[in-house]
C-alpha atoms as a PDB file:
ATOM      1  CA  MET A   1    -115.390 -16.705  34.431  1.00  0.00           C
ATOM      2  CA  GLU A   2    -112.415 -14.931  35.654  1.00  0.00           C
ATOM      3  CA  GLU A   3    -113.156 -13.450  32.485  1.00  0.00           C
ATOM      4  CA  VAL A   4    -116.678 -12.208  33.146  1.00  0.00           C
ATOM      5  CA  LYS A   5    -115.524 -10.565  36.295  1.00  0.00           C
ATOM      6  CA  ARG A   6    -113.109  -8.517  34.764  1.00  0.00           C
ATOM      7  CA  ARG A   7    -115.775  -7.332  31.965  1.00  0.00           C
ATOM      8  CA  GLN A   8    -118.091  -6.490  34.884  1.00  0.00           C
ATOM      9  CA  LEU A   9    -115.604  -4.493  36.738  1.00  0.00           C
ATOM     10  CA  ALA A  10    -115.040  -2.726  33.517  1.00  0.00           C
ATOM     11  CA  VAL A  11    -118.913  -2.131  33.136  1.00  0.00           C
ATOM     12  CA  ASP A  12    -119.206  -0.729  36.933  1.00  0.00           C
ATOM     13  CA  GLU A  13    -116.572   1.867  36.017  1.00  0.00           C
ATOM     14  CA  ILE A  14    -118.060   3.230  33.240  1.00  0.00           C
ATOM     15  CA  THR A  15    -121.523   2.909  35.185  1.00  0.00           C
ATOM     16  CA  SER A  16    -120.209   4.778  37.961  1.00  0.00           C
ATOM     17  CA  GLY A  17    -118.290   7.345  35.972  1.00  0.00           C
ATOM     18  CA  GLY A  18    -115.554   6.395  37.227  1.00  0.00           C
ATOM     19  CA  ARG A  19    -113.754   5.809  33.951  1.00  0.00           C
ATOM     20  CA  SER A  20    -115.230   7.627  30.333  1.00  0.00           C
ATOM     21  CA  THR A  21    -115.247   6.800  26.612  1.00  0.00           C
ATOM     22  CA  SER A  22    -116.101  10.973  26.933  1.00  0.00           C
ATOM     23  CA  PHE A  23    -119.542  10.128  24.852  1.00  0.00           C
ATOM     24  CA  LYS A  24    -122.660   8.908  26.266  1.00  0.00           C
ATOM     25  CA  TYR A  25    -123.520   6.616  23.120  1.00  0.00           C
ATOM     26  CA  THR A  26    -120.061   4.976  22.848  1.00  0.00           C
ATOM     27  CA  ASN A  27    -119.931   4.418  26.648  1.00  0.00           C
ATOM     28  CA  ALA A  28    -123.541   2.230  26.510  1.00  0.00           C
ATOM     29  CA  GLU A  29    -121.458   1.016  22.943  1.00  0.00           C
ATOM     30  CA  PHE A  30    -118.695  -0.349  25.331  1.00  0.00           C
ATOM     31  CA  ILE A  31    -120.760  -1.646  27.986  1.00  0.00           C
ATOM     32  CA  SER A  32    -122.930  -3.428  25.810  1.00  0.00           C
ATOM     33  CA  LEU A  33    -119.874  -5.398  24.134  1.00  0.00           C
ATOM     34  CA  GLN A  34    -118.716  -6.147  27.730  1.00  0.00           C
ATOM     35  CA  TYR A  35    -122.280  -7.273  28.322  1.00  0.00           C
ATOM     36  CA  ARG A  36    -122.441  -9.397  25.065  1.00  0.00           C
ATOM     37  CA  LYS A  37    -119.344 -11.034  25.443  1.00  0.00           C
ATOM     38  CA  ILE A  38    -120.463 -12.243  29.305  1.00  0.00           C
ATOM     39  CA  PHE A  39    -123.349 -13.488  27.964  1.00  0.00           C
ATOM     40  CA  GLU A  40    -121.242 -15.696  25.467  1.00  0.00           C
ATOM     41  CA  LEU A  41    -118.944 -16.589  28.090  1.00  0.00           C
ATOM     42  CA  VAL A  42    -121.874 -17.849  30.280  1.00  0.00           C
ATOM     43  CA  ILE A  43    -122.961 -19.988  27.378  1.00  0.00           C
ATOM     44  CA  LEU A  44    -119.566 -21.614  26.466  1.00  0.00           C
ATOM     45  CA  ALA A  45    -118.290 -21.521  30.123  1.00  0.00           C
ATOM     46  CA  SER A  46    -119.769 -25.628  30.524  1.00  0.00           C
ATOM     47  CA  LEU A  47    -117.131 -26.232  27.345  1.00  0.00           C
ATOM     48  CA  ALA A  48    -114.071 -24.752  28.605  1.00  0.00           C
ATOM     49  CA  SER A  49    -114.198 -26.937  31.331  1.00  0.00           C
ATOM     50  CA  ASN A  50    -114.646 -30.563  29.236  1.00  0.00           C
ATOM     51  CA  ASN A  51    -111.826 -29.162  26.302  1.00  0.00           C
ATOM     52  CA  HIS A  52    -113.189 -32.982  24.457  1.00  0.00           C
ATOM     53  CA  LEU A  53    -116.147 -30.902  23.790  1.00  0.00           C
ATOM     54  CA  PHE A  54    -114.660 -28.153  21.798  1.00  0.00           C
ATOM     55  CA  GLU A  55    -113.556 -30.589  19.322  1.00  0.00           C
ATOM     56  CA  GLY A  56    -115.249 -29.731  15.839  1.00  0.00           C
ATOM     57  CA  LEU A  57    -117.445 -26.155  17.442  1.00  0.00           C
ATOM     58  CA  THR A  58    -114.365 -23.678  17.365  1.00  0.00           C
ATOM     59  CA  ARG A  59    -114.473 -23.149  13.565  1.00  0.00           C
ATOM     60  CA  LYS A  60    -118.418 -23.323  13.972  1.00  0.00           C
ATOM     61  CA  LEU A  61    -118.709 -20.647  16.890  1.00  0.00           C
ATOM     62  CA  ALA A  62    -115.970 -18.392  15.331  1.00  0.00           C
ATOM     63  CA  LYS A  63    -118.145 -17.330  12.999  1.00  0.00           C
ATOM     64  CA  GLU A  64    -121.681 -17.503  14.717  1.00  0.00           C
ATOM     65  CA  TRP A  65    -123.367 -14.326  16.304  1.00  0.00           C
ATOM     66  CA  GLU A  66    -126.954 -15.280  16.300  1.00  0.00           C
ATOM     67  CA  ILE A  67    -127.116 -16.445  20.015  1.00  0.00           C
ATOM     68  CA  ALA A  68    -129.842 -18.999  19.782  1.00  0.00           C
ATOM     69  CA  LYS A  69    -127.655 -21.075  17.019  1.00  0.00           C
ATOM     70  CA  ILE A  70    -124.726 -20.857  19.470  1.00  0.00           C
ATOM     71  CA  ILE A  71    -126.742 -22.288  21.932  1.00  0.00           C
ATOM     72  CA  ARG A  72    -128.464 -25.071  19.740  1.00  0.00           C
ATOM     73  CA  LEU A  73    -124.381 -25.505  19.548  1.00  0.00           C
ATOM     74  CA  VAL A  74    -123.296 -25.970  22.622  1.00  0.00           C
ATOM     75  CA  LYS A  75    -126.599 -27.696  23.985  1.00  0.00           C
ATOM     76  CA  ALA A  76    -125.620 -30.528  21.172  1.00  0.00           C
ATOM     77  CA  LYS A  77    -122.809 -31.576  23.449  1.00  0.00           C
ATOM     78  CA  ASN A  78    -124.057 -30.460  26.750  1.00  0.00           C
ATOM     79  CA  PRO A  79    -127.578 -30.340  26.871  1.00  0.00           C
ATOM     80  CA  LEU A  80    -126.776 -28.932  31.152  1.00  0.00           C
ATOM     81  CA  PHE A  81    -125.121 -25.938  30.004  1.00  0.00           C
ATOM     82  CA  TYR A  82    -126.732 -23.338  30.949  1.00  0.00           C
ATOM     83  CA  PRO A  83    -125.713 -22.535  34.951  1.00  0.00           C
ATOM     84  CA  LYS A  84    -127.953 -23.597  38.432  1.00  0.00           C
ATOM     85  CA  PRO A  85    -127.441 -20.682  40.387  1.00  0.00           C
ATOM     86  CA  ILE A  86    -128.175 -21.930  44.204  1.00  0.00           C
ATOM     87  CA  ASP A  87    -127.284 -20.262  47.582  1.00  0.00           C
ATOM     88  CA  ARG A  88    -124.800 -22.067  50.155  1.00  0.00           C
ATOM     89  CA  LYS A  89    -126.208 -22.497  53.934  1.00  0.00           C
ATOM     90  CA  PRO A  90    -124.878 -23.797  56.273  1.00  0.00           C
ATOM     91  CA  SER A  91    -125.930 -27.373  57.434  1.00  0.00           C
ATOM     92  CA  ASN A  92    -127.670 -29.161  60.468  1.00  0.00           C
ATOM     93  CA  GLN A  93    -126.172 -32.465  59.070  1.00  0.00           C
ATOM     94  CA  PRO A  94    -122.722 -33.793  60.707  1.00  0.00           C
ATOM     95  CA  GLY A  95    -120.049 -33.692  58.746  1.00  0.00           C
ATOM     96  CA  ILE A  96    -121.386 -31.766  55.649  1.00  0.00           C
ATOM     97  CA  LYS A  97    -120.338 -27.853  55.412  1.00  0.00           C
ATOM     98  CA  ASP A  98    -123.287 -26.834  53.325  1.00  0.00           C
ATOM     99  CA  ASP A  99    -126.267 -27.160  52.113  1.00  0.00           C
ATOM    100  CA  TRP A 100    -126.765 -26.148  48.435  1.00  0.00           C
ATOM    101  CA  VAL A 101    -130.439 -23.953  47.781  1.00  0.00           C
ATOM    102  CA  ASP A 102    -131.640 -23.619  44.653  1.00  0.00           C
ATOM    103  CA  VAL A 103    -132.260 -19.951  43.815  1.00  0.00           C
ATOM    104  CA  GLU A 104    -136.172 -19.852  41.983  1.00  0.00           C
ATOM    105  CA  SER A 105    -136.009 -15.981  41.000  1.00  0.00           C
ATOM    106  CA  GLY A 106    -134.043 -13.036  40.106  1.00  0.00           C
ATOM    107  CA  PHE A 107    -131.906 -14.413  38.605  1.00  0.00           C
ATOM    108  CA  LEU A 108    -130.561 -14.407  34.475  1.00  0.00           C
ATOM    109  CA  THR A 109    -132.375 -17.044  32.730  1.00  0.00           C
ATOM    110  CA  LEU A 110    -131.370 -18.709  29.219  1.00  0.00           C
ATOM    111  CA  ASP A 111    -134.367 -16.352  28.343  1.00  0.00           C
ATOM    112  CA  ASP A 112    -133.138 -13.455  29.292  1.00  0.00           C
ATOM    113  CA  LEU A 113    -129.902 -13.627  27.989  1.00  0.00           C
ATOM    114  CA  THR A 114    -131.258 -14.236  24.591  1.00  0.00           C
ATOM    115  CA  GLY A 115    -133.275 -11.515  24.850  1.00  0.00           C
ATOM    116  CA  ALA A 116    -130.878  -9.084  26.398  1.00  0.00           C
ATOM    117  CA  HIS A 117    -128.488 -10.013  23.510  1.00  0.00           C
ATOM    118  CA  GLY A 118    -130.774  -9.262  20.921  1.00  0.00           C
ATOM    119  CA  MET A 119    -131.206  -5.997  22.201  1.00  0.00           C
ATOM    120  CA  ILE A 120    -127.726  -5.397  22.297  1.00  0.00           C
ATOM    121  CA  GLY A 121    -127.341  -6.044  18.671  1.00  0.00           C
ATOM    122  CA  ASN A 122    -129.357  -3.049  18.527  1.00  0.00           C
ATOM    123  CA  ILE A 123    -126.275  -0.696  19.153  1.00  0.00           C
ATOM    124  CA  MET A 124    -123.880  -3.065  18.021  1.00  0.00           C
ATOM    125  CA  HIS A 125    -124.622  -1.886  14.271  1.00  0.00           C
ATOM    126  CA  ALA A 126    -124.528   1.893  12.975  1.00  0.00           C
ATOM    127  CA  THR A 127    -127.953   3.006  13.391  1.00  0.00           C
ATOM    128  CA  ASN A 128    -130.528   4.923  10.625  1.00  0.00           C
ATOM    129  CA  PRO A 129    -129.347   8.581  11.335  1.00  0.00           C
ATOM    130  CA  TYR A 130    -132.991   9.869  11.168  1.00  0.00           C
ATOM    131  CA  ARG A 131    -134.122   7.490  13.930  1.00  0.00           C
ATOM    132  CA  THR A 132    -135.990   9.292  16.726  1.00  0.00           C
ATOM    133  CA  GLU A 133    -135.943   6.882  19.291  1.00  0.00           C
ATOM    134  CA  SER A 134    -132.864   6.259  21.786  1.00  0.00           C
ATOM    135  CA  ILE A 135    -131.765   3.117  21.912  1.00  0.00           C
ATOM    136  CA  VAL A 136    -128.919   4.282  24.434  1.00  0.00           C
ATOM    137  CA  ASP A 137    -131.865   5.195  26.800  1.00  0.00           C
ATOM    138  CA  THR A 138    -133.215   1.965  26.725  1.00  0.00           C
ATOM    139  CA  LEU A 139    -130.183   0.102  27.138  1.00  0.00           C
ATOM    140  CA  GLU A 140    -129.007   2.105  29.964  1.00  0.00           C
ATOM    141  CA  GLU A 141    -132.564   1.536  31.784  1.00  0.00           C
ATOM    142  CA  HIS A 142    -131.446  -2.293  31.126  1.00  0.00           C
ATOM    143  CA  PHE A 143    -127.848  -2.589  32.359  1.00  0.00           C
ATOM    144  CA  PRO A 144    -128.156  -2.533  36.431  1.00  0.00           C
ATOM    145  CA  ILE A 145    -130.750  -5.006  35.892  1.00  0.00           C
ATOM    146  CA  TRP A 146    -128.250  -7.385  33.635  1.00  0.00           C
ATOM    147  CA  ARG A 147    -125.753  -6.936  36.398  1.00  0.00           C
ATOM    148  CA  GLU A 148    -127.720  -7.815  39.209  1.00  0.00           C
ATOM    149  CA  LYS A 149    -128.958 -11.244  37.111  1.00  0.00           C
ATOM    150  CA  THR A 150    -125.941 -11.599  36.087  1.00  0.00           C
ATOM    151  CA  ILE A 151    -124.504 -11.941  39.609  1.00  0.00           C
ATOM    152  CA  ARG A 152    -127.140 -13.886  41.188  1.00  0.00           C
ATOM    153  CA  LEU A 153    -126.869 -16.654  38.092  1.00  0.00           C
ATOM    154  CA  LEU A 154    -123.514 -16.998  38.807  1.00  0.00           C
ATOM    155  CA  ASN A 155    -122.657 -15.909  42.839  1.00  0.00           C
ATOM    156  CA  ASN A 156    -122.316 -19.679  43.434  1.00  0.00           C
ATOM    157  CA  HIS A 157    -123.903 -22.162  40.257  1.00  0.00           C
ATOM    158  CA  LEU A 158    -123.743 -25.569  39.371  1.00  0.00           C
ATOM    159  CA  VAL A 159    -123.303 -27.044  35.585  1.00  0.00           C
ATOM    160  CA  GLY A 160    -123.824 -30.817  34.693  1.00  0.00           C
ATOM    161  CA  LEU A 161    -121.600 -32.307  32.816  1.00  0.00           C
ATOM    162  CA  PRO A 162    -122.514 -34.393  29.838  1.00  0.00           C
ATOM    163  CA  ASN A 163    -120.424 -37.102  31.961  1.00  0.00           C
ATOM    164  CA  GLY A 164    -123.229 -36.573  35.070  1.00  0.00           C
ATOM    165  CA  ASN A 165    -120.929 -34.770  36.789  1.00  0.00           C
ATOM    166  CA  VAL A 166    -121.191 -31.668  38.520  1.00  0.00           C
ATOM    167  CA  LEU A 167    -118.799 -28.514  38.792  1.00  0.00           C
ATOM    168  CA  TYR A 168    -119.544 -25.921  41.403  1.00  0.00           C
ATOM    169  CA  VAL A 169    -118.021 -22.605  40.807  1.00  0.00           C
ATOM    170  CA  GLY A 170    -118.469 -19.941  43.328  1.00  0.00           C
ATOM    171  CA  MET A 171    -117.343 -16.621  42.094  1.00  0.00           C
ATOM    172  CA  GLN A 172    -115.707 -15.338  45.125  1.00  0.00           C
ATOM    173  CA  SER A 173    -113.478 -17.327  47.236  1.00  0.00           C
ATOM    174  CA  ALA A 174    -113.225 -16.357  50.835  1.00  0.00           C
ATOM    175  CA  GLU A 175    -109.233 -16.519  51.229  1.00  0.00           C
ATOM    176  CA  THR A 176    -108.095 -15.413  47.887  1.00  0.00           C
ATOM    177  CA  GLY A 177    -110.938 -13.300  45.790  1.00  0.00           C
ATOM    178  CA  SER A 178    -110.610 -15.541  42.751  1.00  0.00           C
ATOM    179  CA  VAL A 179    -113.246 -18.006  41.232  1.00  0.00           C
ATOM    180  CA  HIS A 180    -112.865 -21.557  42.638  1.00  0.00           C
ATOM    181  CA  ILE A 181    -114.353 -24.640  41.205  1.00  0.00           C
ATOM    182  CA  ASN A 182    -115.325 -27.997  42.176  1.00  0.00           C
ATOM    183  CA  LEU A 183    -116.272 -30.695  40.746  1.00  0.00           C
ATOM    184  CA  PHE A 184    -118.492 -33.800  42.540  1.00  0.00           C
ATOM    185  CA  SER A 185    -119.255 -36.917  40.952  1.00  0.00           C
ATOM    186  CA  LEU A 186    -123.161 -37.735  41.410  1.00  0.00           C
ATOM    187  CA  ARG A 187    -122.966 -41.297  43.821  1.00  0.00           C
ATOM    188  CA  VAL A 188    -126.940 -43.086  43.602  1.00  0.00           C
ATOM    189  CA  ARG A 189    -127.614 -44.732  46.329  1.00  0.00           C
END
């Protein structure tokens, strides 16, 4: 998740005009590559927290570029891999700091992610020089949407683990500014 934050900062520097590759098309390529990597990191994150889940997948994932196949491989190891965004609200219950409230909309869904990943593929390869439509303009319209939806997804989220535990991830610790993670064991009462 720290890598996701660093990649988003790099995107922000280009989109704000603070930095440039000096050419609009290569700026769009750079940003697209960062989002492609961010999306893949989101998919793979639940495996990173469970080293044993990566066993047998490393070679397969290294060769795979189709997001649908990557998702199938990851889902086979952890069906609850995709982050579930939550809001933390102060709790009224004694001894409980926050209540976790599911976020219902405004976040990057798995369908959004796969669609965006596919759209990015259009700029990652050399194009027909006679092509009249500009993929750059289309992508530039999506960059701020992807930014906001990705941040909404990841700001505070839960990831289910195959053993039934839940991983809470907060992207910004109030104390350090770093990503913080807590593991919770689910108990049935």
